N, C-alpha and C. Protein backbone atom coordinates (compact mmCIF):
# COMPACT_ATOMS: atom_id res chain seq x y z
N UNK A 1 -28.06 4.14 -16.76
CA UNK A 1 -27.83 4.29 -15.33
C UNK A 1 -27.63 5.77 -14.97
N UNK A 2 -26.79 6.46 -15.73
CA UNK A 2 -26.52 7.87 -15.47
C UNK A 2 -27.78 8.71 -15.63
N UNK A 3 -28.61 8.37 -16.63
CA UNK A 3 -29.85 9.12 -16.87
C UNK A 3 -30.80 8.98 -15.69
N UNK A 4 -30.83 7.80 -15.09
CA UNK A 4 -31.72 7.59 -13.95
C UNK A 4 -31.26 8.40 -12.73
N UNK A 5 -29.96 8.50 -12.56
CA UNK A 5 -29.43 9.30 -11.45
C UNK A 5 -29.76 10.77 -11.65
N UNK A 6 -29.56 11.26 -12.86
CA UNK A 6 -29.87 12.66 -13.17
C UNK A 6 -31.36 12.92 -12.98
N UNK A 7 -32.20 11.99 -13.44
CA UNK A 7 -33.65 12.16 -13.29
C UNK A 7 -34.04 12.17 -11.81
N UNK A 8 -33.43 11.30 -11.03
CA UNK A 8 -33.69 11.27 -9.60
C UNK A 8 -33.32 12.61 -8.95
N UNK A 9 -32.18 13.15 -9.31
CA UNK A 9 -31.75 14.44 -8.74
C UNK A 9 -32.68 15.57 -9.15
N UNK A 10 -33.14 15.55 -10.39
CA UNK A 10 -34.10 16.57 -10.84
C UNK A 10 -35.41 16.46 -10.08
N UNK A 11 -35.89 15.24 -9.90
CA UNK A 11 -37.13 15.05 -9.16
C UNK A 11 -36.98 15.48 -7.71
N UNK A 12 -35.83 15.18 -7.14
CA UNK A 12 -35.58 15.58 -5.75
C UNK A 12 -35.56 17.09 -5.61
N UNK A 13 -34.93 17.75 -6.54
CA UNK A 13 -34.86 19.22 -6.50
C UNK A 13 -36.26 19.82 -6.67
N UNK A 14 -37.06 19.25 -7.56
CA UNK A 14 -38.42 19.75 -7.76
C UNK A 14 -39.26 19.54 -6.51
N UNK A 15 -39.08 18.41 -5.86
CA UNK A 15 -39.83 18.12 -4.63
C UNK A 15 -39.42 19.09 -3.52
N UNK A 16 -38.15 19.37 -3.40
CA UNK A 16 -37.70 20.31 -2.37
C UNK A 16 -38.23 21.72 -2.62
N UNK A 17 -38.47 22.07 -3.87
CA UNK A 17 -39.02 23.38 -4.18
C UNK A 17 -40.47 23.50 -3.71
N UNK A 18 -41.16 22.36 -3.60
CA UNK A 18 -42.57 22.38 -3.18
C UNK A 18 -42.74 22.32 -1.68
N UNK A 19 -41.66 22.09 -0.95
CA UNK A 19 -41.74 21.98 0.51
C UNK A 19 -42.04 23.35 1.11
N UNK A 20 -42.94 23.36 2.09
CA UNK A 20 -43.21 24.59 2.83
C UNK A 20 -42.29 24.60 4.05
N UNK A 21 -41.23 25.40 3.97
CA UNK A 21 -40.25 25.45 5.03
C UNK A 21 -40.75 26.34 6.16
N UNK A 22 -40.45 25.99 7.41
CA UNK A 22 -40.89 26.84 8.53
C UNK A 22 -40.14 28.16 8.55
N UNK A 23 -40.82 29.16 9.09
CA UNK A 23 -40.17 30.46 9.24
C UNK A 23 -39.21 30.40 10.43
N UNK A 24 -38.38 31.41 10.53
CA UNK A 24 -37.42 31.47 11.66
C UNK A 24 -38.17 31.50 12.99
N UNK A 25 -39.26 32.27 13.04
CA UNK A 25 -40.04 32.36 14.28
C UNK A 25 -40.64 31.01 14.66
N UNK A 26 -41.10 30.25 13.69
CA UNK A 26 -41.66 28.92 13.96
C UNK A 26 -40.58 27.97 14.50
N UNK A 27 -39.40 28.06 13.93
CA UNK A 27 -38.30 27.21 14.39
C UNK A 27 -37.90 27.58 15.81
N UNK A 28 -37.81 28.87 16.09
CA UNK A 28 -37.45 29.33 17.44
C UNK A 28 -38.51 28.88 18.44
N UNK A 29 -39.78 29.02 18.09
CA UNK A 29 -40.87 28.64 18.99
C UNK A 29 -40.86 27.12 19.24
N UNK A 30 -40.65 26.34 18.22
CA UNK A 30 -40.60 24.89 18.38
C UNK A 30 -39.40 24.47 19.22
N UNK A 31 -38.28 25.14 19.02
CA UNK A 31 -37.08 24.83 19.79
C UNK A 31 -37.29 25.17 21.27
N UNK A 32 -37.90 26.30 21.53
CA UNK A 32 -38.17 26.69 22.92
C UNK A 32 -39.12 25.69 23.59
N UNK A 33 -40.16 25.29 22.89
CA UNK A 33 -41.11 24.33 23.44
C UNK A 33 -40.41 23.01 23.74
N UNK A 34 -39.54 22.58 22.85
CA UNK A 34 -38.81 21.33 23.05
C UNK A 34 -37.89 21.44 24.27
N UNK A 35 -37.17 22.54 24.38
CA UNK A 35 -36.27 22.72 25.53
C UNK A 35 -37.02 22.75 26.85
N UNK A 36 -38.17 23.43 26.88
CA UNK A 36 -38.98 23.47 28.10
C UNK A 36 -39.44 22.06 28.47
N UNK A 37 -39.91 21.30 27.48
CA UNK A 37 -40.35 19.94 27.74
C UNK A 37 -39.20 19.07 28.25
N UNK A 38 -38.03 19.20 27.67
CA UNK A 38 -36.87 18.41 28.09
C UNK A 38 -36.47 18.78 29.52
N UNK A 39 -36.48 20.06 29.85
CA UNK A 39 -36.11 20.49 31.20
C UNK A 39 -37.12 19.98 32.23
N UNK A 40 -38.40 20.08 31.91
CA UNK A 40 -39.45 19.58 32.82
C UNK A 40 -39.29 18.07 33.02
N UNK A 41 -39.06 17.35 31.95
CA UNK A 41 -38.89 15.91 32.04
C UNK A 41 -37.65 15.56 32.87
N UNK A 42 -36.56 16.27 32.65
CA UNK A 42 -35.33 16.02 33.41
C UNK A 42 -35.54 16.28 34.90
N UNK A 43 -36.25 17.36 35.23
CA UNK A 43 -36.52 17.66 36.64
C UNK A 43 -37.40 16.59 37.27
N UNK A 44 -38.39 16.13 36.53
CA UNK A 44 -39.26 15.07 37.04
C UNK A 44 -38.46 13.79 37.29
N UNK A 45 -37.62 13.42 36.33
CA UNK A 45 -36.82 12.21 36.49
C UNK A 45 -35.83 12.34 37.64
N UNK A 46 -35.25 13.53 37.82
CA UNK A 46 -34.35 13.77 38.95
C UNK A 46 -35.10 13.59 40.26
N UNK A 47 -36.28 14.19 40.35
CA UNK A 47 -37.10 14.08 41.56
C UNK A 47 -37.48 12.62 41.83
N UNK A 48 -37.94 11.92 40.79
CA UNK A 48 -38.36 10.53 40.95
C UNK A 48 -37.17 9.65 41.35
N UNK A 49 -36.03 9.84 40.72
CA UNK A 49 -34.85 9.04 41.03
C UNK A 49 -34.38 9.28 42.45
N UNK A 50 -34.33 10.54 42.84
CA UNK A 50 -33.89 10.88 44.20
C UNK A 50 -34.85 10.32 45.24
N UNK A 51 -36.13 10.49 45.01
CA UNK A 51 -37.14 10.00 45.94
C UNK A 51 -37.09 8.49 46.07
N UNK A 52 -37.08 7.81 44.93
CA UNK A 52 -37.04 6.34 44.98
C UNK A 52 -35.72 5.84 45.57
N UNK A 53 -34.65 6.51 45.28
CA UNK A 53 -33.35 6.14 45.87
C UNK A 53 -33.36 6.27 47.37
N UNK A 54 -33.95 7.36 47.86
CA UNK A 54 -34.05 7.55 49.32
C UNK A 54 -34.97 6.51 49.95
N UNK A 55 -36.07 6.20 49.29
CA UNK A 55 -36.99 5.18 49.84
C UNK A 55 -36.33 3.81 49.89
N UNK A 56 -35.61 3.46 48.85
CA UNK A 56 -34.90 2.18 48.84
C UNK A 56 -33.82 2.18 49.90
N UNK A 57 -33.16 3.32 50.08
CA UNK A 57 -32.14 3.43 51.11
C UNK A 57 -32.71 3.22 52.51
N UNK A 58 -33.94 3.68 52.73
CA UNK A 58 -34.58 3.48 54.02
C UNK A 58 -34.96 2.02 54.26
N UNK A 59 -35.26 1.30 53.19
CA UNK A 59 -35.68 -0.09 53.32
C UNK A 59 -34.51 -1.03 53.53
N UNK A 60 -33.34 -0.63 53.12
CA UNK A 60 -32.19 -1.54 53.25
C UNK A 60 -31.34 -1.21 54.45
């Protein structure tokens, strides 16, 4: 049992060594793109909610 755990940890470490990690610039660029998308989506949802709320308010 202990040997299997040690082997698993060794394999995991070897696999992590083969991973191509993103550079700092790539992470910053991806984060910025995500934030812009989230802000645009939030503004759209705010606009849609306000508009639909006002329309429903006019109907009632």
